[in-house]
């Protein structure tokens, strides 16, 4: 799963703090890996990437969101500078896993 955020420079310290809290929530909810990247071309663009074992684990993540996780996500959305919500993309391993 990837989530793209746009965060103004003056909000980035708060954003990074909240993302650390979100990392804890994601891993508690089943994420096996979690990463946060900042764009090399646009310093206000961040990309959160986290991995889950399978699609069912991701669906369960939605079902068992805690109040704590929802609060963190709401604070992060408030720091997102665009009118549209952060862009979420879902990625799956290709069917032909022999490529890897």
Protein backbone atom coordinates (compact mmCIF):
# COMPACT_ATOMS: atom_id res chain seq x y z
CA UNK A 1 0.00 0.00 0.00
CA UNK A 2 1.31 3.48 -0.79
CA UNK A 3 -0.05 6.81 0.43
CA UNK A 4 1.10 10.12 -1.09
CA UNK A 5 1.04 13.22 1.11
CA UNK A 6 1.83 16.86 0.39
CA UNK A 7 3.04 18.76 3.46
CA UNK A 8 4.17 22.38 3.62
CA UNK A 9 7.66 22.99 5.05
CA UNK A 10 6.35 24.61 8.24
CA UNK A 11 4.21 21.52 8.98
CA UNK A 12 6.83 18.87 8.28
CA UNK A 13 8.17 18.46 11.84
CA UNK A 14 4.64 17.77 13.10
CA UNK A 15 3.98 15.49 10.13
CA UNK A 16 7.12 13.44 10.79
CA UNK A 17 6.19 13.06 14.45
CA UNK A 18 2.69 11.85 13.54
CA UNK A 19 4.09 9.49 10.92
CA UNK A 20 6.21 7.81 13.60
CA UNK A 21 3.00 7.23 15.55
CA UNK A 22 1.30 5.91 12.42
CA UNK A 23 4.23 3.54 11.80
CA UNK A 24 3.60 1.99 15.21
CA UNK A 25 -0.11 1.63 14.40
CA UNK A 26 0.56 0.09 10.98
CA UNK A 27 2.99 -2.49 12.33
CA UNK A 28 0.69 -3.27 15.25
CA UNK A 29 -2.08 -3.90 12.70
CA UNK A 30 -0.07 -6.35 10.61
CA UNK A 31 2.29 -4.37 8.36
CA UNK A 32 5.46 -6.39 7.89
CA UNK A 33 7.49 -3.44 6.52
CA UNK A 34 6.96 0.33 6.70
CA UNK A 35 8.82 3.12 4.91
CA UNK A 36 8.52 6.88 4.52
CA UNK A 37 10.15 8.66 1.59
CA UNK A 38 10.46 12.32 0.63
CA UNK A 39 10.53 13.21 -3.03
CA UNK A 40 13.92 14.26 -4.38
CA UNK A 41 12.16 16.57 -6.85
CA UNK A 42 9.54 18.17 -4.59
CA UNK A 43 10.43 18.62 -0.92
CA UNK A 44 6.80 18.85 0.14
CA UNK A 45 5.82 15.40 -1.23
CA UNK A 46 6.08 12.30 0.96
CA UNK A 47 5.27 8.70 0.21
CA UNK A 48 4.34 6.20 2.89
CA UNK A 49 4.74 2.56 1.84
CA UNK A 50 3.81 -0.43 3.93
CA UNK A 51 3.65 -4.14 3.16
CA UNK A 52 1.23 -6.76 4.36
CA UNK A 53 1.36 -10.51 3.91
CA UNK A 54 -1.77 -10.63 1.76
CA UNK A 55 -4.90 -8.78 0.64
CA UNK A 56 -6.99 -10.29 3.46
CA UNK A 57 -4.62 -8.81 6.03
CA UNK A 58 -5.16 -5.41 4.46
CA UNK A 59 -8.94 -5.80 4.55
CA UNK A 60 -8.69 -6.81 8.22
CA UNK A 61 -6.67 -3.65 8.84
CA UNK A 62 -9.69 -1.61 7.76
CA UNK A 63 -12.01 -3.62 9.99
CA UNK A 64 -9.97 -3.33 13.16
CA UNK A 65 -8.88 0.30 13.09
CA UNK A 66 -8.52 1.51 16.66
CA UNK A 67 -9.60 4.92 17.92
CA UNK A 68 -5.92 5.71 18.48
CA UNK A 69 -5.04 4.91 14.84
CA UNK A 70 -8.02 6.90 13.56
CA UNK A 71 -6.93 9.91 15.64
CA UNK A 72 -3.38 9.75 14.26
CA UNK A 73 -4.68 9.46 10.69
CA UNK A 74 -6.98 12.43 11.24
CA UNK A 75 -4.09 14.58 12.50
CA UNK A 76 -1.99 13.55 9.50
CA UNK A 77 -4.81 14.39 7.07
CA UNK A 78 -5.06 17.83 8.69
CA UNK A 79 -1.39 18.41 7.79
CA UNK A 80 -1.93 17.32 4.17
CA UNK A 81 -1.83 20.50 2.06
CA UNK A 82 -4.06 19.46 -0.85
CA UNK A 83 -7.86 19.74 -0.95
CA UNK A 84 -8.22 16.12 -2.09
CA UNK A 85 -7.34 13.44 0.47
CA UNK A 86 -3.93 11.74 0.32
CA UNK A 87 -3.68 9.44 -2.69
CA UNK A 88 -3.81 5.76 -1.71
CA UNK A 89 -2.63 3.04 -4.10
CA UNK A 90 -2.79 -0.70 -3.63
CA UNK A 91 -0.06 -2.88 -5.10
CA UNK A 92 0.06 -6.66 -5.34
CA UNK A 93 2.74 -9.11 -6.40
CA UNK A 94 2.38 -10.19 -10.04
CA UNK A 95 0.83 -13.62 -10.54
CA UNK A 96 4.05 -14.89 -12.08
CA UNK A 97 6.22 -14.84 -8.99
CA UNK A 98 8.97 -16.69 -10.86
CA UNK A 99 10.04 -13.25 -12.09
CA UNK A 100 11.50 -12.61 -8.67
